Amino acid sequence: MSELKENRARFIEVNADNLPLHCPMPDMVSWNQHPRVFLPIVENGGEALCPYCGTRYKLVGEVKHHH
């Protein structure tokens, strides 16, 4: 099992495996620190900002779209 991450990071890189993206992420220690909010990172040019905690997410790598 992977180690839980502290929510202290204010910048987190994510990839296609993390989609659909939501904050807080399930592997964070305080996964229930605020209501879960889904962030439209693909539609926002690969970046998203959580309106609750201010964590900035950046999408790295390729995202394959299914038609």
C-alpha atoms as a PDB file:
ATOM      1  CA  MET A   1       0.000   0.000   0.000  1.00  0.00           C
ATOM      2  CA  SER A   2       1.323   3.433  -0.831  1.00  0.00           C
ATOM      3  CA  GLU A   3       2.198   5.919   1.859  1.00  0.00           C
ATOM      4  CA  LEU A   4      -0.275   8.687   2.643  1.00  0.00           C
ATOM      5  CA  LYS A   5       0.792  12.202   1.667  1.00  0.00           C
ATOM      6  CA  GLU A   6       0.472  15.294   3.811  1.00  0.00           C
ATOM      7  CA  ASN A   7      -1.799  18.007   2.419  1.00  0.00           C
ATOM      8  CA  ARG A   8       0.952  20.583   2.873  1.00  0.00           C
ATOM      9  CA  ALA A   9       1.956  20.540  -0.773  1.00  0.00           C
ATOM     10  CA  ARG A  10       0.407  23.448  -2.569  1.00  0.00           C
ATOM     11  CA  PHE A  11       1.476  22.197  -6.012  1.00  0.00           C
ATOM     12  CA  ILE A  12       0.825  18.635  -7.119  1.00  0.00           C
ATOM     13  CA  GLU A  13       1.574  17.080 -10.494  1.00  0.00           C
ATOM     14  CA  VAL A  14      -1.009  14.531 -11.615  1.00  0.00           C
ATOM     15  CA  ASN A  15      -1.366  12.270 -14.636  1.00  0.00           C
ATOM     16  CA  ALA A  16      -4.124  10.493 -16.533  1.00  0.00           C
ATOM     17  CA  ASP A  17      -4.332   7.812 -13.813  1.00  0.00           C
ATOM     18  CA  ASN A  18      -5.623  10.510 -11.408  1.00  0.00           C
ATOM     19  CA  LEU A  19      -8.591  11.452 -13.611  1.00  0.00           C
ATOM     20  CA  PRO A  20     -11.266  12.405 -12.912  1.00  0.00           C
ATOM     21  CA  LEU A  21      -9.333  14.707 -10.590  1.00  0.00           C
ATOM     22  CA  HIS A  22     -10.751  15.649  -7.228  1.00  0.00           C
ATOM     23  CA  CYS A  23      -9.404  17.348  -4.143  1.00  0.00           C
ATOM     24  CA  PRO A  24      -8.575  16.138  -1.620  1.00  0.00           C
ATOM     25  CA  MET A  25      -7.055  13.099  -3.276  1.00  0.00           C
ATOM     26  CA  PRO A  26      -7.643   9.687  -1.646  1.00  0.00           C
ATOM     27  CA  ASP A  27      -3.955   9.179  -0.766  1.00  0.00           C
ATOM     28  CA  MET A  28      -3.769  12.341   1.341  1.00  0.00           C
ATOM     29  CA  VAL A  29      -3.595  12.059   5.132  1.00  0.00           C
ATOM     30  CA  SER A  30      -6.425  14.556   5.605  1.00  0.00           C
ATOM     31  CA  TRP A  31      -8.533  13.193   2.760  1.00  0.00           C
ATOM     32  CA  ASN A  32     -11.588  14.613   4.526  1.00  0.00           C
ATOM     33  CA  GLN A  33     -10.210  18.108   5.264  1.00  0.00           C
ATOM     34  CA  HIS A  34     -12.872  19.699   3.076  1.00  0.00           C
ATOM     35  CA  PRO A  35     -15.738  18.534   0.851  1.00  0.00           C
ATOM     36  CA  ARG A  36     -14.600  16.618  -2.224  1.00  0.00           C
ATOM     37  CA  VAL A  37     -14.610  18.845  -5.264  1.00  0.00           C
ATOM     38  CA  PHE A  38     -14.016  17.598  -8.794  1.00  0.00           C
ATOM     39  CA  LEU A  39     -11.615  19.773 -10.782  1.00  0.00           C
ATOM     40  CA  PRO A  40     -11.952  20.000 -14.601  1.00  0.00           C
ATOM     41  CA  ILE A  41      -8.207  19.964 -15.215  1.00  0.00           C
ATOM     42  CA  VAL A  42      -8.346  18.689 -18.821  1.00  0.00           C
ATOM     43  CA  GLU A  43     -10.869  21.355 -19.818  1.00  0.00           C
ATOM     44  CA  ASN A  44      -8.783  24.063 -18.088  1.00  0.00           C
ATOM     45  CA  GLY A  45      -5.658  23.566 -20.165  1.00  0.00           C
ATOM     46  CA  GLY A  46      -3.957  21.148 -17.783  1.00  0.00           C
ATOM     47  CA  GLU A  47      -4.108  23.213 -14.596  1.00  0.00           C
ATOM     48  CA  ALA A  48      -6.645  23.458 -11.793  1.00  0.00           C
ATOM     49  CA  LEU A  49      -6.906  25.240  -8.464  1.00  0.00           C
ATOM     50  CA  CYS A  50      -8.877  23.844  -5.537  1.00  0.00           C
ATOM     51  CA  PRO A  51     -11.346  26.496  -4.339  1.00  0.00           C
ATOM     52  CA  TYR A  52     -11.237  25.138  -0.770  1.00  0.00           C
ATOM     53  CA  CYS A  53      -7.556  24.686   0.090  1.00  0.00           C
ATOM     54  CA  GLY A  54      -5.793  26.486  -2.759  1.00  0.00           C
ATOM     55  CA  THR A  55      -3.803  23.472  -3.914  1.00  0.00           C
ATOM     56  CA  ARG A  56      -2.718  23.909  -7.534  1.00  0.00           C
ATOM     57  CA  TYR A  57      -2.719  20.819  -9.740  1.00  0.00           C
ATOM     58  CA  LYS A  58      -0.812  20.440 -13.011  1.00  0.00           C
ATOM     59  CA  LEU A  59      -1.523  17.655 -15.483  1.00  0.00           C
ATOM     60  CA  VAL A  60       1.605  15.996 -16.860  1.00  0.00           C
ATOM     61  CA  GLY A  61       1.817  13.380 -19.575  1.00  0.00           C
ATOM     62  CA  GLU A  62      -0.632  12.407 -22.244  1.00  0.00           C
ATOM     63  CA  VAL A  63      -4.362  12.017 -21.788  1.00  0.00           C
ATOM     64  CA  LYS A  64      -6.092   9.742 -24.275  1.00  0.00           C
ATOM     65  CA  HIS A  65      -9.608  10.788 -25.174  1.00  0.00           C
ATOM     66  CA  HIS A  66     -12.224   8.130 -25.822  1.00  0.00           C
ATOM     67  CA  HIS A  67     -14.729   8.919 -28.581  1.00  0.00           C
END
